[in-house]
Amino acid sequence: MRQAARWAAYLKTNPKLPPKTRALAMQEKAYGPEHAKVASTLTNMGIVLQTQGKLDEAMATYERALAIE
């Protein structure tokens, strides 16, 4: 959860960053889109989106993570 809190703070100060970060894209390329590390990153992104009040995006991100795990 500490990582998610750091992401939330970072994204609040940098709101123009897209939800799909470069790190996620790199993980998907390296491990494949169905890997547990990708699911963990998606879960953290969902937490950040939820914190930002982007509930529809957060739900979609959580659902994608759950489909992997």
Protein backbone atom coordinates (compact mmCIF):
# COMPACT_ATOMS: atom_id res chain seq x y z
CA MET A 1 0.00 0.00 0.00
CA ARG A 2 2.89 2.36 0.58
CA GLN A 3 3.72 2.25 -3.13
CA ALA A 4 0.14 3.13 -4.00
CA ALA A 5 0.25 6.08 -1.60
CA ARG A 6 3.41 7.35 -3.29
CA TRP A 7 1.75 7.00 -6.71
CA ALA A 8 -1.31 8.85 -5.47
CA ALA A 9 0.80 11.73 -4.15
CA TYR A 10 2.85 11.84 -7.34
CA LEU A 11 -0.16 11.81 -9.63
CA LYS A 12 -1.92 14.49 -7.60
CA THR A 13 1.05 16.79 -8.21
CA ASN A 14 1.32 15.69 -11.85
CA PRO A 15 -2.29 15.41 -13.04
CA LYS A 16 -1.42 15.43 -16.75
CA LEU A 17 0.17 11.99 -16.60
CA PRO A 18 -1.94 9.34 -18.34
CA PRO A 19 -3.36 6.56 -16.15
CA LYS A 20 -1.49 3.91 -18.10
CA THR A 21 2.04 4.64 -17.03
CA ARG A 22 5.23 3.80 -18.81
CA ALA A 23 6.04 1.26 -16.09
CA LEU A 24 2.87 -0.69 -16.82
CA ALA A 25 3.62 -0.75 -20.54
CA MET A 26 7.14 -1.99 -19.83
CA GLN A 27 5.83 -4.73 -17.53
CA GLU A 28 3.28 -5.85 -20.10
CA LYS A 29 5.99 -6.05 -22.74
CA ALA A 30 8.47 -7.88 -20.51
CA TYR A 31 6.12 -10.30 -18.74
CA GLY A 32 2.99 -10.38 -20.87
CA PRO A 33 -0.36 -8.79 -20.06
CA GLU A 34 -1.50 -11.69 -17.86
CA HIS A 35 1.43 -11.74 -15.41
CA ALA A 36 0.99 -11.29 -11.64
CA LYS A 37 3.31 -8.25 -11.63
CA VAL A 38 1.05 -6.56 -14.16
CA ALA A 39 -1.97 -7.37 -11.96
CA SER A 40 -0.22 -5.82 -8.95
CA THR A 41 0.57 -2.65 -10.89
CA LEU A 42 -3.01 -2.45 -12.13
CA THR A 43 -4.29 -2.79 -8.57
CA ASN A 44 -2.03 0.05 -7.45
CA MET A 45 -3.19 2.16 -10.38
CA GLY A 46 -6.79 1.45 -9.40
CA ILE A 47 -6.07 2.74 -5.90
CA VAL A 48 -4.61 5.92 -7.34
CA LEU A 49 -7.53 6.44 -9.71
CA GLN A 50 -9.97 5.86 -6.86
CA THR A 51 -8.10 8.40 -4.73
CA GLN A 52 -8.38 10.90 -7.58
CA GLY A 53 -12.13 10.34 -7.74
CA LYS A 54 -11.97 8.64 -11.15
CA LEU A 55 -14.21 5.82 -10.04
CA ASP A 56 -15.18 4.44 -13.46
CA GLU A 57 -11.54 4.20 -14.51
CA ALA A 58 -10.60 2.71 -11.15
CA MET A 59 -13.30 0.05 -11.44
CA ALA A 60 -12.17 -0.91 -14.95
CA THR A 61 -8.57 -1.13 -13.76
CA TYR A 62 -9.52 -3.26 -10.74
CA GLU A 63 -11.58 -5.57 -12.96
CA ARG A 64 -8.66 -6.05 -15.32
CA ALA A 65 -6.37 -6.85 -12.38
CA LEU A 66 -8.85 -9.35 -10.95
CA ALA A 67 -9.18 -11.07 -14.30
CA ILE A 68 -5.43 -11.78 -14.18
CA GLU A 69 -5.19 -13.03 -10.59
